[in-house]
């Protein structure tokens, strides 16, 4: 059986990689361990698991905020700069020529994704159709007499 590579520096390193937005697979590779070992460390070492949670939390919040912003739409200012000659005629400087406020329309796909995940009770794709049949009673077939051919 292989010797465990776990040491006290791994949680801090894992937290840093998670904070940069790396996936579990990428974190494991950077730590020099297999993905299976990575998941074993999460189960065996609570400090490792907690470090990953701390590292992932800020990135998850940033992504949630970006998704919400995209779902709702937003405005931003776009600044155009042009190289204009200096007053002394030598060289040029970038000068602001115009500032325009632009609007990004709400994104329906982002809205659907948000609602399906945040409000699955109202927005999930599937509905549960619970049908009950009493199998102890005989099944009655109703046939329209016009459908019967002589």
Protein backbone atom coordinates (compact mmCIF):
# COMPACT_ATOMS: atom_id res chain seq x y z
CA UNK A 1 0.00 0.00 0.00
CA UNK A 2 1.34 3.45 -0.94
CA UNK A 3 2.34 5.89 1.75
CA UNK A 4 -0.04 8.82 2.34
CA UNK A 5 1.36 12.11 0.96
CA UNK A 6 -0.87 14.21 3.19
CA UNK A 7 0.85 16.98 5.19
CA UNK A 8 -0.18 20.19 6.96
CA UNK A 9 0.64 22.41 3.96
CA UNK A 10 -1.90 20.74 1.65
CA UNK A 11 -5.03 22.46 3.01
CA UNK A 12 -3.54 25.92 2.48
CA UNK A 13 -2.38 25.05 -1.03
CA UNK A 14 -5.75 23.51 -1.89
CA UNK A 15 -7.57 26.58 -0.59
CA UNK A 16 -5.43 28.83 -2.77
CA UNK A 17 -6.08 26.75 -5.89
CA UNK A 18 -9.83 26.67 -5.12
CA UNK A 19 -9.85 30.45 -4.66
CA UNK A 20 -8.42 30.79 -8.20
CA UNK A 21 -11.40 28.86 -9.56
CA UNK A 22 -9.65 25.57 -10.35
CA UNK A 23 -11.73 22.38 -10.55
CA UNK A 24 -11.21 19.49 -8.13
CA UNK A 25 -9.33 17.60 -10.85
CA UNK A 26 -7.01 20.56 -11.48
CA UNK A 27 -6.41 21.04 -7.74
CA UNK A 28 -5.53 17.35 -7.35
CA UNK A 29 -3.10 17.55 -10.28
CA UNK A 30 -1.44 20.67 -8.82
CA UNK A 31 -1.11 18.93 -5.45
CA UNK A 32 0.50 15.93 -7.18
CA UNK A 33 -2.20 13.45 -6.14
CA UNK A 34 -4.84 11.45 -7.97
CA UNK A 35 -8.47 12.54 -7.99
CA UNK A 36 -9.36 9.45 -5.91
CA UNK A 37 -6.77 10.41 -3.30
CA UNK A 38 -8.09 13.99 -3.37
CA UNK A 39 -11.60 12.78 -2.49
CA UNK A 40 -10.21 10.46 0.19
CA UNK A 41 -8.43 13.44 1.76
CA UNK A 42 -11.74 15.35 1.81
CA UNK A 43 -13.34 12.45 3.74
CA UNK A 44 -10.40 11.72 6.06
CA UNK A 45 -9.13 15.20 6.89
CA UNK A 46 -11.77 17.75 7.97
CA UNK A 47 -9.24 20.63 7.77
CA UNK A 48 -8.65 19.78 4.09
CA UNK A 49 -12.37 19.75 3.36
CA UNK A 50 -12.93 23.05 5.20
CA UNK A 51 -10.02 24.69 3.37
CA UNK A 52 -11.57 23.74 0.02
CA UNK A 53 -14.94 25.15 1.10
CA UNK A 54 -13.31 28.43 2.19
CA UNK A 55 -11.46 28.66 -1.11
CA UNK A 56 -14.47 27.91 -3.31
CA UNK A 57 -16.95 30.18 -1.53
CA UNK A 58 -15.75 33.58 -2.87
CA UNK A 59 -15.52 32.31 -6.45
CA UNK A 60 -18.98 30.74 -6.23
CA UNK A 61 -20.39 34.04 -4.99
CA UNK A 62 -18.72 35.93 -7.85
CA UNK A 63 -20.22 33.52 -10.39
CA UNK A 64 -23.65 33.77 -8.77
CA UNK A 65 -23.46 37.56 -8.91
CA UNK A 66 -22.36 37.50 -12.56
CA UNK A 67 -25.20 35.13 -13.46
CA UNK A 68 -27.75 37.30 -11.67
CA UNK A 69 -26.38 40.43 -13.32
CA UNK A 70 -26.60 38.74 -16.73
CA UNK A 71 -30.13 37.48 -16.01
CA UNK A 72 -31.40 40.93 -15.03
CA UNK A 73 -29.45 42.96 -17.58
CA UNK A 74 -27.23 45.92 -16.75
CA UNK A 75 -25.78 49.19 -17.99
CA UNK A 76 -22.14 50.17 -18.35
CA UNK A 77 -20.13 53.09 -19.66
CA UNK A 78 -17.86 52.64 -22.65
CA UNK A 79 -15.07 55.16 -23.02
CA UNK A 80 -13.46 55.83 -26.40
CA UNK A 81 -9.93 57.24 -26.47
CA UNK A 82 -8.08 58.48 -29.52
CA UNK A 83 -4.48 59.42 -30.07
CA UNK A 84 -4.44 63.16 -30.62
CA UNK A 85 -1.34 65.24 -31.31
CA UNK A 86 0.18 67.15 -28.40
CA UNK A 87 -0.24 70.90 -28.24
CA UNK A 88 3.48 71.29 -28.93
CA UNK A 89 3.17 69.12 -32.06
CA UNK A 90 5.49 66.41 -30.83
CA UNK A 91 4.05 62.98 -30.22
CA UNK A 92 0.49 62.25 -29.25
CA UNK A 93 -1.54 61.48 -26.17
CA UNK A 94 -4.61 59.33 -25.69
CA UNK A 95 -7.54 61.60 -24.99
CA UNK A 96 -11.13 60.71 -24.18
CA UNK A 97 -13.28 61.52 -27.17
CA UNK A 98 -16.61 60.15 -25.97
CA UNK A 99 -18.31 58.25 -23.17
CA UNK A 100 -21.37 56.21 -24.09
CA UNK A 101 -23.72 54.39 -21.72
CA UNK A 102 -24.57 50.97 -23.14
CA UNK A 103 -27.18 48.50 -21.97
CA UNK A 104 -26.98 44.71 -21.94
CA UNK A 105 -30.46 43.20 -22.22
CA UNK A 106 -31.58 40.59 -19.72
CA UNK A 107 -30.58 37.08 -20.81
CA UNK A 108 -33.48 34.63 -20.92
CA UNK A 109 -31.19 31.59 -20.72
CA UNK A 110 -29.59 32.93 -17.55
CA UNK A 111 -33.06 33.64 -16.14
CA UNK A 112 -34.23 30.08 -16.85
CA UNK A 113 -31.08 28.59 -15.33
CA UNK A 114 -31.43 30.75 -12.24
CA UNK A 115 -35.11 29.94 -11.73
CA UNK A 116 -34.74 26.20 -12.30
CA UNK A 117 -32.01 26.05 -9.69
CA UNK A 118 -33.34 28.55 -7.18
CA UNK A 119 -37.07 27.76 -7.52
CA UNK A 120 -37.33 24.16 -8.71
CA UNK A 121 -40.72 23.89 -7.00
CA UNK A 122 -42.10 26.25 -9.66
CA UNK A 123 -39.67 25.95 -12.59
CA UNK A 124 -38.48 22.37 -12.94
CA UNK A 125 -38.91 20.76 -16.36
CA UNK A 126 -40.57 17.59 -15.18
CA UNK A 127 -43.82 17.35 -13.31
CA UNK A 128 -44.64 14.38 -11.15
CA UNK A 129 -47.78 12.74 -12.42
CA UNK A 130 -48.87 10.30 -9.78
CA UNK A 131 -51.52 7.97 -11.12
CA UNK A 132 -53.14 5.40 -8.95
CA UNK A 133 -54.85 2.32 -10.30
CA UNK A 134 -56.74 -0.11 -8.16
CA UNK A 135 -55.55 -3.43 -9.53
CA UNK A 136 -58.05 -5.37 -7.43
CA UNK A 137 -61.00 -4.09 -9.49
CA UNK A 138 -61.73 -5.33 -13.01
CA UNK A 139 -60.87 -2.95 -15.82
CA UNK A 140 -63.89 -1.67 -17.75
CA UNK A 141 -63.50 -0.77 -21.38
CA UNK A 142 -65.85 1.72 -22.92
CA UNK A 143 -66.36 1.31 -26.63
CA UNK A 144 -68.32 3.73 -28.76
CA UNK A 145 -70.90 1.78 -30.83
CA UNK A 146 -70.04 3.87 -33.90
CA UNK A 147 -66.49 2.51 -33.76
CA UNK A 148 -67.70 -1.11 -34.10
CA UNK A 149 -67.88 -2.35 -37.67
CA UNK A 150 -70.39 -5.04 -38.55
